[in-house]
């Protein structure tokens, strides 16, 4: 068997990572004939492809967001299942990012490449935990690829939230959290901490959160915040998309404490800039320690770094004798910074 060079298997092109030998792209940013999708966030999962291969949960989430006809055809693949596409073998493995999220392993001619998509190695009660996959080349995200980003224990951040709720029973607590993954994880952690009161949801959270519950994830009693009297929201917790927390929408709450659950809350200046009273450092991406530990554990001799703080991670890899380069892919961003709420959802 002739060993293939990694760049002969996966190649960064304007539409995303392209595998000519397999006839597919991974998380393409524009419509292609065949797309392999790592997870359901909108910067990775787009509508309009000819065929989509993804986990069942990712396909379901894309259907909820884009409608039944989001792709010409779809095929579900389970974790650990291997299929042949053209001249390559492909398998999906848990990424620990959100429900259904996957790393994609691509093997051809004796060379194995793993594209991580977005991932985290921290505990999350709402999705399968990250699975370490040995490989020759590891393609890693770098959203929080700077040493300043160390997220800490998410349960301690939730304890801060609950302490504030207890301290200010006359105020509503409004938590900004991305609608897919982050919101459900925060709710689950709140429940694990012993909070049993109803939790209220912005309308934009409804469909995805109900889907999580349908998949057997225990989130306790959830209620739509629409129509609830202002006075009745004192002492309660409501989750909403980040953009809604700085909107006129917040006027329906009594003296709201605005919180934001994000890895970016490690940067206090960003919290102040957004007017966040209660920053909660809770991220669905690996932090600096998680990124570097994962890279080392994969056994990869070559690392490709994409969407995020690429330079620092490339430098770290090269210092340790690893071949490393930035991919400079465009079209991928942090979901928390880009989520937009529709007019209809804003009225919910």
C-alpha atoms as a PDB file:
ATOM      1  CA  UNK A   1       0.000   0.000   0.000  1.00  0.00           C
ATOM      2  CA  UNK A   2       1.351   3.420  -0.967  1.00  0.00           C
ATOM      3  CA  UNK A   3       1.206   5.839   1.961  1.00  0.00           C
ATOM      4  CA  UNK A   4      -0.568   9.009   0.916  1.00  0.00           C
ATOM      5  CA  UNK A   5       0.433  12.503   1.930  1.00  0.00           C
ATOM      6  CA  UNK A   6      -2.172  14.189   4.152  1.00  0.00           C
ATOM      7  CA  UNK A   7      -2.666  17.035   1.654  1.00  0.00           C
ATOM      8  CA  UNK A   8      -3.561  14.435  -1.000  1.00  0.00           C
ATOM      9  CA  UNK A   9      -6.430  13.260   1.230  1.00  0.00           C
ATOM     10  CA  UNK A  10      -7.836  16.519   2.660  1.00  0.00           C
ATOM     11  CA  UNK A  11      -7.226  19.893   1.108  1.00  0.00           C
ATOM     12  CA  UNK A  12      -8.465  23.311   2.296  1.00  0.00           C
ATOM     13  CA  UNK A  13     -10.376  25.025  -0.522  1.00  0.00           C
ATOM     14  CA  UNK A  14     -12.686  28.086  -0.472  1.00  0.00           C
ATOM     15  CA  UNK A  15     -15.732  25.886   0.187  1.00  0.00           C
ATOM     16  CA  UNK A  16     -14.084  24.097   3.150  1.00  0.00           C
ATOM     17  CA  UNK A  17     -12.060  20.915   3.640  1.00  0.00           C
ATOM     18  CA  UNK A  18     -12.248  18.858   0.454  1.00  0.00           C
ATOM     19  CA  UNK A  19     -11.550  15.129   0.069  1.00  0.00           C
ATOM     20  CA  UNK A  20     -11.278  14.441  -3.658  1.00  0.00           C
ATOM     21  CA  UNK A  21     -10.526  10.746  -3.134  1.00  0.00           C
ATOM     22  CA  UNK A  22     -13.800  10.368  -1.209  1.00  0.00           C
ATOM     23  CA  UNK A  23     -15.879  12.852  -3.184  1.00  0.00           C
ATOM     24  CA  UNK A  24     -16.929  14.952  -0.179  1.00  0.00           C
ATOM     25  CA  UNK A  25     -16.331  18.105   1.856  1.00  0.00           C
ATOM     26  CA  UNK A  26     -16.298  18.424   5.657  1.00  0.00           C
ATOM     27  CA  UNK A  27     -18.490  21.243   7.030  1.00  0.00           C
ATOM     28  CA  UNK A  28     -18.501  23.159   3.728  1.00  0.00           C
ATOM     29  CA  UNK A  29     -19.419  26.845   3.849  1.00  0.00           C
ATOM     30  CA  UNK A  30     -21.218  26.747   0.490  1.00  0.00           C
ATOM     31  CA  UNK A  31     -23.425  24.113  -1.202  1.00  0.00           C
ATOM     32  CA  UNK A  32     -21.546  21.006  -2.436  1.00  0.00           C
ATOM     33  CA  UNK A  33     -22.515  17.613  -3.859  1.00  0.00           C
ATOM     34  CA  UNK A  34     -21.716  15.646  -0.676  1.00  0.00           C
ATOM     35  CA  UNK A  35     -21.145  17.127   2.782  1.00  0.00           C
ATOM     36  CA  UNK A  36     -20.026  15.430   5.980  1.00  0.00           C
ATOM     37  CA  UNK A  37     -21.257  17.574   8.886  1.00  0.00           C
ATOM     38  CA  UNK A  38     -19.633  17.504  12.338  1.00  0.00           C
ATOM     39  CA  UNK A  39     -22.491  19.151  14.277  1.00  0.00           C
ATOM     40  CA  UNK A  40     -25.568  21.329  14.002  1.00  0.00           C
ATOM     41  CA  UNK A  41     -24.227  24.846  14.690  1.00  0.00           C
ATOM     42  CA  UNK A  42     -24.941  27.153  11.783  1.00  0.00           C
ATOM     43  CA  UNK A  43     -21.302  27.933  10.951  1.00  0.00           C
ATOM     44  CA  UNK A  44     -20.713  24.213  10.305  1.00  0.00           C
ATOM     45  CA  UNK A  45     -24.124  22.934   9.201  1.00  0.00           C
ATOM     46  CA  UNK A  46     -25.575  24.764   6.223  1.00  0.00           C
ATOM     47  CA  UNK A  47     -28.551  23.964   4.020  1.00  0.00           C
ATOM     48  CA  UNK A  48     -28.450  23.335   0.270  1.00  0.00           C
ATOM     49  CA  UNK A  49     -26.051  20.384  -0.114  1.00  0.00           C
ATOM     50  CA  UNK A  50     -26.800  17.555  -2.519  1.00  0.00           C
ATOM     51  CA  UNK A  51     -26.225  14.860   0.110  1.00  0.00           C
ATOM     52  CA  UNK A  52     -25.439  15.078   3.836  1.00  0.00           C
ATOM     53  CA  UNK A  53     -23.818  12.434   6.050  1.00  0.00           C
ATOM     54  CA  UNK A  54     -24.007  13.137   9.795  1.00  0.00           C
ATOM     55  CA  UNK A  55     -25.166  11.647  13.085  1.00  0.00           C
ATOM     56  CA  UNK A  56     -28.921  11.249  13.473  1.00  0.00           C
ATOM     57  CA  UNK A  57     -29.020  14.043  16.054  1.00  0.00           C
ATOM     58  CA  UNK A  58     -27.211  16.469  13.744  1.00  0.00           C
ATOM     59  CA  UNK A  59     -29.581  15.605  10.881  1.00  0.00           C
ATOM     60  CA  UNK A  60     -32.574  16.129  13.200  1.00  0.00           C
ATOM     61  CA  UNK A  61     -31.222  19.488  14.368  1.00  0.00           C
ATOM     62  CA  UNK A  62     -30.619  20.629  10.780  1.00  0.00           C
ATOM     63  CA  UNK A  63     -34.197  19.601   9.960  1.00  0.00           C
ATOM     64  CA  UNK A  64     -35.523  21.637  12.901  1.00  0.00           C
ATOM     65  CA  UNK A  65     -33.548  24.692  11.809  1.00  0.00           C
ATOM     66  CA  UNK A  66     -33.815  24.548   8.019  1.00  0.00           C
ATOM     67  CA  UNK A  67     -36.921  22.474   7.288  1.00  0.00           C
ATOM     68  CA  UNK A  68     -37.456  18.993   5.851  1.00  0.00           C
ATOM     69  CA  UNK A  69     -35.767  19.705   2.517  1.00  0.00           C
ATOM     70  CA  UNK A  70     -32.480  21.122   3.815  1.00  0.00           C
ATOM     71  CA  UNK A  71     -30.523  18.713   1.570  1.00  0.00           C
ATOM     72  CA  UNK A  72     -31.149  16.587  -1.513  1.00  0.00           C
ATOM     73  CA  UNK A  73     -30.632  13.411   0.533  1.00  0.00           C
ATOM     74  CA  UNK A  74     -29.418  12.475   4.007  1.00  0.00           C
ATOM     75  CA  UNK A  75     -27.698   9.485   5.603  1.00  0.00           C
ATOM     76  CA  UNK A  76     -27.255   8.910   9.326  1.00  0.00           C
ATOM     77  CA  UNK A  77     -24.077   7.367  10.735  1.00  0.00           C
ATOM     78  CA  UNK A  78     -23.586   6.125  14.297  1.00  0.00           C
ATOM     79  CA  UNK A  79     -20.555   6.756  16.485  1.00  0.00           C
ATOM     80  CA  UNK A  80     -17.811   4.261  15.644  1.00  0.00           C
ATOM     81  CA  UNK A  81     -19.509   3.089  12.458  1.00  0.00           C
ATOM     82  CA  UNK A  82     -17.196   2.986   9.437  1.00  0.00           C
ATOM     83  CA  UNK A  83     -18.245   3.473   5.822  1.00  0.00           C
ATOM     84  CA  UNK A  84     -16.383   3.570   2.534  1.00  0.00           C
ATOM     85  CA  UNK A  85     -16.651   6.688   0.379  1.00  0.00           C
ATOM     86  CA  UNK A  86     -14.703   6.413  -2.868  1.00  0.00           C
ATOM     87  CA  UNK A  87     -11.159   5.445  -1.920  1.00  0.00           C
ATOM     88  CA  UNK A  88     -11.364   6.437   1.763  1.00  0.00           C
ATOM     89  CA  UNK A  89     -12.770   4.986   4.979  1.00  0.00           C
ATOM     90  CA  UNK A  90     -14.748   7.388   7.157  1.00  0.00           C
ATOM     91  CA  UNK A  91     -15.992   7.095  10.745  1.00  0.00           C
ATOM     92  CA  UNK A  92     -17.583   9.509  13.240  1.00  0.00           C
ATOM     93  CA  UNK A  93     -16.549   9.772  16.916  1.00  0.00           C
ATOM     94  CA  UNK A  94     -17.974  11.831  19.817  1.00  0.00           C
ATOM     95  CA  UNK A  95     -16.650  15.394  20.048  1.00  0.00           C
ATOM     96  CA  UNK A  96     -18.293  16.364  23.357  1.00  0.00           C
ATOM     97  CA  UNK A  97     -19.354  19.732  21.932  1.00  0.00           C
ATOM     98  CA  UNK A  98     -23.158  19.469  21.673  1.00  0.00           C
ATOM     99  CA  UNK A  99     -25.725  16.699  21.178  1.00  0.00           C
ATOM    100  CA  UNK A 100     -24.755  14.648  18.113  1.00  0.00           C
ATOM    101  CA  UNK A 101     -21.417  16.403  17.583  1.00  0.00           C
ATOM    102  CA  UNK A 102     -18.660  14.337  16.001  1.00  0.00           C
ATOM    103  CA  UNK A 103     -15.037  14.250  15.010  1.00  0.00           C
ATOM    104  CA  UNK A 104     -14.575  12.769  11.549  1.00  0.00           C
ATOM    105  CA  UNK A 105     -11.836  10.202  10.970  1.00  0.00           C
ATOM    106  CA  UNK A 106     -10.660   9.886   7.370  1.00  0.00           C
ATOM    107  CA  UNK A 107      -8.297   7.023   6.447  1.00  0.00           C
ATOM    108  CA  UNK A 108      -6.664   6.435   3.081  1.00  0.00           C
ATOM    109  CA  UNK A 109      -3.484   4.676   1.912  1.00  0.00           C
ATOM    110  CA  UNK A 110      -2.193   4.062   5.437  1.00  0.00           C
ATOM    111  CA  UNK A 111      -2.671   7.684   6.571  1.00  0.00           C
ATOM    112  CA  UNK A 112      -5.280   8.648   9.180  1.00  0.00           C
ATOM    113  CA  UNK A 113      -6.578  12.209   9.602  1.00  0.00           C
ATOM    114  CA  UNK A 114      -9.055  13.314  12.270  1.00  0.00           C
ATOM    115  CA  UNK A 115     -11.043  16.530  11.749  1.00  0.00           C
ATOM    116  CA  UNK A 116     -12.212  17.567  15.201  1.00  0.00           C
ATOM    117  CA  UNK A 117     -14.937  20.028  14.281  1.00  0.00           C
ATOM    118  CA  UNK A 118     -15.687  21.896  17.525  1.00  0.00           C
ATOM    119  CA  UNK A 119     -14.939  19.921  20.682  1.00  0.00           C
ATOM    120  CA  UNK A 120     -14.465  20.042  24.426  1.00  0.00           C
ATOM    121  CA  UNK A 121     -12.968  17.615  26.904  1.00  0.00           C
ATOM    122  CA  UNK A 122     -14.988  18.938  29.860  1.00  0.00           C
ATOM    123  CA  UNK A 123     -17.925  17.034  31.339  1.00  0.00           C
ATOM    124  CA  UNK A 124     -21.353  17.715  29.809  1.00  0.00           C
ATOM    125  CA  UNK A 125     -24.485  15.830  30.962  1.00  0.00           C
ATOM    126  CA  UNK A 126     -26.284  16.613  27.685  1.00  0.00           C
ATOM    127  CA  UNK A 127     -24.033  14.901  25.112  1.00  0.00           C
ATOM    128  CA  UNK A 128     -21.657  11.977  24.614  1.00  0.00           C
ATOM    129  CA  UNK A 129     -18.177  12.690  26.061  1.00  0.00           C
ATOM    130  CA  UNK A 130     -15.202  13.473  23.829  1.00  0.00           C
ATOM    131  CA  UNK A 131     -13.484  10.351  22.517  1.00  0.00           C
ATOM    132  CA  UNK A 132      -9.744  10.431  21.912  1.00  0.00           C
ATOM    133  CA  UNK A 133      -8.906   9.075  18.437  1.00  0.00           C
ATOM    134  CA  UNK A 134      -5.313   8.192  17.553  1.00  0.00           C
ATOM    135  CA  UNK A 135      -4.236   9.641  14.199  1.00  0.00           C
ATOM    136  CA  UNK A 136      -1.346  10.793  12.027  1.00  0.00           C
ATOM    137  CA  UNK A 137      -2.791  14.265  11.435  1.00  0.00           C
ATOM    138  CA  UNK A 138      -5.125  16.081  13.844  1.00  0.00           C
ATOM    139  CA  UNK A 139      -7.171  19.020  12.563  1.00  0.00           C
ATOM    140  CA  UNK A 140      -8.060  21.020  15.662  1.00  0.00           C
ATOM    141  CA  UNK A 141     -10.241  24.038  16.280  1.00  0.00           C
ATOM    142  CA  UNK A 142      -8.667  26.920  18.197  1.00  0.00           C
ATOM    143  CA  UNK A 143     -11.589  29.087  19.331  1.00  0.00           C
ATOM    144  CA  UNK A 144      -9.920  29.548  22.716  1.00  0.00           C
ATOM    145  CA  UNK A 145      -6.357  28.917  21.544  1.00  0.00           C
ATOM    146  CA  UNK A 146      -4.585  31.326  23.896  1.00  0.00           C
ATOM    147  CA  UNK A 147      -3.111  30.517  27.330  1.00  0.00           C
ATOM    148  CA  UNK A 148      -5.364  33.131  28.976  1.00  0.00           C
ATOM    149  CA  UNK A 149      -8.380  30.920  28.298  1.00  0.00           C
ATOM    150  CA  UNK A 150      -8.731  28.437  31.142  1.00  0.00           C
ATOM    151  CA  UNK A 151     -12.403  27.765  31.702  1.00  0.00           C
ATOM    152  CA  UNK A 152     -12.417  26.100  35.114  1.00  0.00           C
ATOM    153  CA  UNK A 153     -15.294  24.042  36.533  1.00  0.00           C
ATOM    154  CA  UNK A 154     -18.690  24.896  35.045  1.00  0.00           C
ATOM    155  CA  UNK A 155     -20.476  23.695  38.201  1.00  0.00           C
ATOM    156  CA  UNK A 156     -18.781  26.477  40.189  1.00  0.00           C
ATOM    157  CA  UNK A 157     -20.088  29.036  37.688  1.00  0.00           C
ATOM    158  CA  UNK A 158     -23.628  27.658  38.058  1.00  0.00           C
ATOM    159  CA  UNK A 159     -23.231  27.897  41.834  1.00  0.00           C
ATOM    160  CA  UNK A 160     -22.437  31.608  41.359  1.00  0.00           C
ATOM    161  CA  UNK A 161     -25.697  31.998  39.443  1.00  0.00           C
ATOM    162  CA  UNK A 162     -27.760  30.216  42.103  1.00  0.00           C
ATOM    163  CA  UNK A 163     -26.104  32.238  44.882  1.00  0.00           C
ATOM    164  CA  UNK A 164     -27.140  35.420  43.067  1.00  0.00           C
ATOM    165  CA  UNK A 165     -30.717  34.140  42.677  1.00  0.00           C
ATOM    166  CA  UNK A 166     -30.839  33.502  46.434  1.00  0.00           C
ATOM    167  CA  UNK A 167     -29.306  36.914  47.208  1.00  0.00           C
ATOM    168  CA  UNK A 168     -31.699  38.896  44.987  1.00  0.00           C
ATOM    169  CA  UNK A 169     -35.147  37.253  45.262  1.00  0.00           C
ATOM    170  CA  UNK A 170     -36.827  40.424  43.984  1.00  0.00           C
ATOM    171  CA  UNK A 171     -34.891  40.403  40.702  1.00  0.00           C
ATOM    172  CA  UNK A 172     -35.152  38.200  37.624  1.00  0.00           C
ATOM    173  CA  UNK A 173     -32.034  36.441  36.369  1.00  0.00           C
ATOM    174  CA  UNK A 174     -31.632  36.500  32.610  1.00  0.00           C
ATOM    175  CA  UNK A 175     -28.947  34.131  31.288  1.00  0.00           C
ATOM    176  CA  UNK A 176     -27.657  34.613  27.748  1.00  0.00           C
ATOM    177  CA  UNK A 177     -26.731  31.245  26.228  1.00  0.00           C
ATOM    178  CA  UNK A 178     -26.528  29.885  22.713  1.00  0.00           C
ATOM    179  CA  UNK A 179     -29.735  28.059  21.744  1.00  0.00           C
ATOM    180  CA  UNK A 180     -28.081  24.780  20.704  1.00  0.00           C
ATOM    181  CA  UNK A 181     -25.995  23.029  23.315  1.00  0.00           C
ATOM    182  CA  UNK A 182     -25.064  25.779  25.748  1.00  0.00           C
ATOM    183  CA  UNK A 183     -28.605  26.503  26.958  1.00  0.00           C
ATOM    184  CA  UNK A 184     -29.383  22.828  27.569  1.00  0.00           C
ATOM    185  CA  UNK A 185     -26.068  22.226  29.324  1.00  0.00           C
ATOM    186  CA  UNK A 186     -26.630  25.203  31.636  1.00  0.00           C
ATOM    187  CA  UNK A 187     -30.143  23.962  32.471  1.00  0.00           C
ATOM    188  CA  UNK A 188     -28.848  20.454  33.195  1.00  0.00           C
ATOM    189  CA  UNK A 189     -26.104  21.820  35.461  1.00  0.00           C
ATOM    190  CA  UNK A 190     -28.624  24.006  37.287  1.00  0.00           C
ATOM    191  CA  UNK A 191     -30.735  20.892  37.911  1.00  0.00           C
ATOM    192  CA  UNK A 192     -27.713  18.915  39.108  1.00  0.00           C
ATOM    193  CA  UNK A 193     -27.025  21.707  41.608  1.00  0.00           C
ATOM    194  CA  UNK A 194     -30.449  21.033  43.166  1.00  0.00           C
ATOM    195  CA  UNK A 195     -32.544  23.882  41.710  1.00  0.00           C
ATOM    196  CA  UNK A 196     -36.069  22.503  41.210  1.00  0.00           C
ATOM    197  CA  UNK A 197     -38.104  25.600  40.320  1.00  0.00           C
ATOM    198  CA  UNK A 198     -39.448  26.074  36.770  1.00  0.00           C
ATOM    199  CA  UNK A 199     -36.909  27.569  34.371  1.00  0.00           C
ATOM    200  CA  UNK A 200     -38.230  29.976  31.741  1.00  0.00           C
ATOM    201  CA  UNK A 201     -37.238  30.032  28.086  1.00  0.00           C
ATOM    202  CA  UNK A 202     -37.138  32.628  25.323  1.00  0.00           C
ATOM    203  CA  UNK A 203     -39.118  31.439  22.295  1.00  0.00           C
ATOM    204  CA  UNK A 204     -35.939  30.912  20.253  1.00  0.00           C
ATOM    205  CA  UNK A 205     -34.897  28.165  22.704  1.00  0.00           C
ATOM    206  CA  UNK A 206     -38.086  26.137  22.474  1.00  0.00           C
ATOM    207  CA  UNK A 207     -37.692  23.727  19.528  1.00  0.00           C
ATOM    208  CA  UNK A 208     -34.118  22.660  20.200  1.00  0.00           C
ATOM    209  CA  UNK A 209     -34.679  22.296  23.957  1.00  0.00           C
ATOM    210  CA  UNK A 210     -37.781  20.149  23.432  1.00  0.00           C
ATOM    211  CA  UNK A 211     -35.732  17.991  21.061  1.00  0.00           C
ATOM    212  CA  UNK A 212     -33.124  17.442  23.803  1.00  0.00           C
ATOM    213  CA  UNK A 213     -35.905  16.393  26.179  1.00  0.00           C
ATOM    214  CA  UNK A 214     -37.327  14.043  23.542  1.00  0.00           C
ATOM    215  CA  UNK A 215     -33.883  12.402  23.384  1.00  0.00           C
ATOM    216  CA  UNK A 216     -34.151  11.584  27.094  1.00  0.00           C
ATOM    217  CA  UNK A 217     -32.090  14.430  28.548  1.00  0.00           C
ATOM    218  CA  UNK A 218     -33.595  15.451  31.903  1.00  0.00           C
ATOM    219  CA  UNK A 219     -34.035  19.233  32.107  1.00  0.00           C
ATOM    220  CA  UNK A 220     -36.875  19.482  34.639  1.00  0.00           C
ATOM    221  CA  UNK A 221     -39.887  21.776  34.284  1.00  0.00           C
ATOM    222  CA  UNK A 222     -39.463  24.368  31.545  1.00  0.00           C
ATOM    223  CA  UNK A 223     -41.942  27.129  30.714  1.00  0.00           C
ATOM    224  CA  UNK A 224     -42.191  29.715  27.945  1.00  0.00           C
ATOM    225  CA  UNK A 225     -41.598  33.191  29.356  1.00  0.00           C
ATOM    226  CA  UNK A 226     -44.057  34.712  26.882  1.00  0.00           C
ATOM    227  CA  UNK A 227     -47.197  35.947  28.608  1.00  0.00           C
ATOM    228  CA  UNK A 228     -45.860  35.685  32.168  1.00  0.00           C
ATOM    229  CA  UNK A 229     -46.568  38.771  34.289  1.00  0.00           C
ATOM    230  CA  UNK A 230     -43.558  40.899  35.137  1.00  0.00           C
ATOM    231  CA  UNK A 231     -44.060  40.589  38.892  1.00  0.00           C
ATOM    232  CA  UNK A 232     -44.229  36.790  38.625  1.00  0.00           C
ATOM    233  CA  UNK A 233     -40.714  36.671  37.163  1.00  0.00           C
ATOM    234  CA  UNK A 234     -39.068  37.963  40.357  1.00  0.00           C
ATOM    235  CA  UNK A 235     -36.676  35.344  41.698  1.00  0.00           C
ATOM    236  CA  UNK A 236     -36.781  33.266  38.520  1.00  0.00           C
ATOM    237  CA  UNK A 237     -34.201  32.151  35.942  1.00  0.00           C
ATOM    238  CA  UNK A 238     -34.804  32.702  32.213  1.00  0.00           C
ATOM    239  CA  UNK A 239     -32.530  31.569  29.387  1.00  0.00           C
ATOM    240  CA  UNK A 240     -32.370  33.556  26.147  1.00  0.00           C
ATOM    241  CA  UNK A 241     -30.071  33.946  23.134  1.00  0.00           C
ATOM    242  CA  UNK A 242     -27.196  36.355  23.878  1.00  0.00           C
ATOM    243  CA  UNK A 243     -28.555  39.027  21.513  1.00  0.00           C
ATOM    244  CA  UNK A 244     -31.860  39.152  23.411  1.00  0.00           C
ATOM    245  CA  UNK A 245     -30.205  40.051  26.716  1.00  0.00           C
ATOM    246  CA  UNK A 246     -29.320  43.545  25.490  1.00  0.00           C
ATOM    247  CA  UNK A 247     -32.637  44.097  23.756  1.00  0.00           C
ATOM    248  CA  UNK A 248     -35.875  45.918  24.563  1.00  0.00           C
ATOM    249  CA  UNK A 249     -37.123  42.395  25.266  1.00  0.00           C
ATOM    250  CA  UNK A 250     -35.492  42.534  28.718  1.00  0.00           C
ATOM    251  CA  UNK A 251     -37.931  45.223  29.879  1.00  0.00           C
ATOM    252  CA  UNK A 252     -40.500  42.546  30.666  1.00  0.00           C
ATOM    253  CA  UNK A 253     -38.333  41.446  33.635  1.00  0.00           C
ATOM    254  CA  UNK A 254     -38.216  43.030  37.103  1.00  0.00           C
ATOM    255  CA  UNK A 255     -34.788  44.664  37.578  1.00  0.00           C
ATOM    256  CA  UNK A 256     -33.013  41.859  35.673  1.00  0.00           C
ATOM    257  CA  UNK A 257     -29.574  40.540  36.565  1.00  0.00           C
ATOM    258  CA  UNK A 258     -28.002  39.943  33.151  1.00  0.00           C
ATOM    259  CA  UNK A 259     -25.718  36.931  32.980  1.00  0.00           C
ATOM    260  CA  UNK A 260     -23.882  35.437  30.001  1.00  0.00           C
ATOM    261  CA  UNK A 261     -22.580  31.851  29.836  1.00  0.00           C
ATOM    262  CA  UNK A 262     -19.538  31.842  27.565  1.00  0.00           C
ATOM    263  CA  UNK A 263     -15.826  31.129  27.491  1.00  0.00           C
ATOM    264  CA  UNK A 264     -15.415  34.747  26.395  1.00  0.00           C
ATOM    265  CA  UNK A 265     -16.491  35.834  29.891  1.00  0.00           C
ATOM    266  CA  UNK A 266     -12.931  35.058  30.991  1.00  0.00           C
ATOM    267  CA  UNK A 267     -12.159  38.419  29.372  1.00  0.00           C
ATOM    268  CA  UNK A 268     -13.681  40.857  31.861  1.00  0.00           C
ATOM    269  CA  UNK A 269     -13.455  43.765  29.425  1.00  0.00           C
ATOM    270  CA  UNK A 270     -15.769  41.889  27.067  1.00  0.00           C
ATOM    271  CA  UNK A 271     -18.271  41.334  29.884  1.00  0.00           C
ATOM    272  CA  UNK A 272     -18.206  45.035  30.775  1.00  0.00           C
ATOM    273  CA  UNK A 273     -18.529  46.012  27.115  1.00  0.00           C
ATOM    274  CA  UNK A 274     -21.706  43.951  26.815  1.00  0.00           C
ATOM    275  CA  UNK A 275     -23.134  45.235  30.093  1.00  0.00           C
ATOM    276  CA  UNK A 276     -23.033  41.791  31.705  1.00  0.00           C
ATOM    277  CA  UNK A 277     -23.556  41.966  35.464  1.00  0.00           C
ATOM    278  CA  UNK A 278     -22.892  38.273  36.106  1.00  0.00           C
ATOM    279  CA  UNK A 279     -20.286  36.713  33.765  1.00  0.00           C
ATOM    280  CA  UNK A 280     -20.377  32.888  33.777  1.00  0.00           C
ATOM    281  CA  UNK A 281     -17.295  31.215  32.294  1.00  0.00           C
ATOM    282  CA  UNK A 282     -18.998  28.193  30.728  1.00  0.00           C
ATOM    283  CA  UNK A 283     -17.834  27.092  27.299  1.00  0.00           C
ATOM    284  CA  UNK A 284     -18.656  24.303  24.863  1.00  0.00           C
ATOM    285  CA  UNK A 285     -15.160  24.569  23.375  1.00  0.00           C
ATOM    286  CA  UNK A 286     -11.907  23.198  24.762  1.00  0.00           C
ATOM    287  CA  UNK A 287      -9.778  25.762  26.581  1.00  0.00           C
ATOM    288  CA  UNK A 288      -6.004  26.153  26.150  1.00  0.00           C
ATOM    289  CA  UNK A 289      -5.209  23.236  28.462  1.00  0.00           C
ATOM    290  CA  UNK A 290      -7.844  21.063  26.780  1.00  0.00           C
ATOM    291  CA  UNK A 291      -6.551  21.855  23.297  1.00  0.00           C
ATOM    292  CA  UNK A 292      -2.901  21.193  24.103  1.00  0.00           C
ATOM    293  CA  UNK A 293      -3.618  18.019  26.122  1.00  0.00           C
ATOM    294  CA  UNK A 294      -5.799  16.640  23.336  1.00  0.00           C
ATOM    295  CA  UNK A 295      -3.224  17.386  20.625  1.00  0.00           C
ATOM    296  CA  UNK A 296      -0.524  15.599  22.635  1.00  0.00           C
ATOM    297  CA  UNK A 297      -2.766  12.599  23.401  1.00  0.00           C
ATOM    298  CA  UNK A 298      -3.785  11.943  19.783  1.00  0.00           C
ATOM    299  CA  UNK A 299      -0.217  10.912  18.944  1.00  0.00           C
ATOM    300  CA  UNK A 300      -0.415  12.991  15.762  1.00  0.00           C
ATOM    301  CA  UNK A 301       2.908  14.069  14.285  1.00  0.00           C
ATOM    302  CA  UNK A 302       1.208  16.786  12.274  1.00  0.00           C
ATOM    303  CA  UNK A 303      -1.412  19.307  13.396  1.00  0.00           C
ATOM    304  CA  UNK A 304      -3.571  21.601  11.291  1.00  0.00           C
ATOM    305  CA  UNK A 305      -5.175  24.473  13.211  1.00  0.00           C
ATOM    306  CA  UNK A 306      -8.378  26.182  12.147  1.00  0.00           C
ATOM    307  CA  UNK A 307     -11.044  28.771  13.056  1.00  0.00           C
ATOM    308  CA  UNK A 308      -9.781  30.611  16.068  1.00  0.00           C
ATOM    309  CA  UNK A 309      -6.540  31.730  17.670  1.00  0.00           C
ATOM    310  CA  UNK A 310      -4.408  29.719  15.246  1.00  0.00           C
ATOM    311  CA  UNK A 311      -0.932  31.257  15.625  1.00  0.00           C
ATOM    312  CA  UNK A 312      -0.383  30.557  19.326  1.00  0.00           C
ATOM    313  CA  UNK A 313      -1.394  26.912  18.986  1.00  0.00           C
ATOM    314  CA  UNK A 314       0.762  26.432  15.880  1.00  0.00           C
ATOM    315  CA  UNK A 315       3.712  27.906  17.818  1.00  0.00           C
ATOM    316  CA  UNK A 316       3.044  25.583  20.786  1.00  0.00           C
ATOM    317  CA  UNK A 317       3.021  22.556  18.465  1.00  0.00           C
ATOM    318  CA  UNK A 318       6.223  23.524  16.684  1.00  0.00           C
ATOM    319  CA  UNK A 319       8.011  24.064  19.992  1.00  0.00           C
ATOM    320  CA  UNK A 320       7.263  20.407  20.757  1.00  0.00           C
ATOM    321  CA  UNK A 321       8.597  19.127  17.451  1.00  0.00           C
ATOM    322  CA  UNK A 322       5.224  18.688  15.749  1.00  0.00           C
ATOM    323  CA  UNK A 323       4.685  19.782  12.159  1.00  0.00           C
ATOM    324  CA  UNK A 324       1.920  22.384  12.394  1.00  0.00           C
ATOM    325  CA  UNK A 325       0.230  24.924  10.176  1.00  0.00           C
ATOM    326  CA  UNK A 326      -2.820  27.183  10.188  1.00  0.00           C
ATOM    327  CA  UNK A 327      -5.521  26.298   7.647  1.00  0.00           C
ATOM    328  CA  UNK A 328      -6.886  29.845   7.356  1.00  0.00           C
ATOM    329  CA  UNK A 329     -10.381  28.583   6.539  1.00  0.00           C
ATOM    330  CA  UNK A 330     -12.988  31.338   6.374  1.00  0.00           C
ATOM    331  CA  UNK A 331     -16.683  31.222   7.202  1.00  0.00           C
ATOM    332  CA  UNK A 332     -16.400  29.722  10.681  1.00  0.00           C
ATOM    333  CA  UNK A 333     -16.986  31.780  13.781  1.00  0.00           C
ATOM    334  CA  UNK A 334     -18.079  31.565  17.372  1.00  0.00           C
ATOM    335  CA  UNK A 335     -21.787  30.761  17.521  1.00  0.00           C
ATOM    336  CA  UNK A 336     -22.300  32.812  20.662  1.00  0.00           C
ATOM    337  CA  UNK A 337     -21.117  35.946  18.918  1.00  0.00           C
ATOM    338  CA  UNK A 338     -23.119  35.411  15.736  1.00  0.00           C
ATOM    339  CA  UNK A 339     -26.515  34.082  16.784  1.00  0.00           C
ATOM    340  CA  UNK A 340     -29.274  36.326  15.496  1.00  0.00           C
ATOM    341  CA  UNK A 341     -32.839  36.171  16.779  1.00  0.00           C
ATOM    342  CA  UNK A 342     -35.649  36.619  14.270  1.00  0.00           C
ATOM    343  CA  UNK A 343     -38.395  39.204  14.783  1.00  0.00           C
ATOM    344  CA  UNK A 344     -40.893  36.415  15.388  1.00  0.00           C
ATOM    345  CA  UNK A 345     -38.681  34.817  18.036  1.00  0.00           C
ATOM    346  CA  UNK A 346     -38.002  38.175  19.668  1.00  0.00           C
ATOM    347  CA  UNK A 347     -41.713  38.575  20.299  1.00  0.00           C
ATOM    348  CA  UNK A 348     -41.910  35.159  21.943  1.00  0.00           C
END
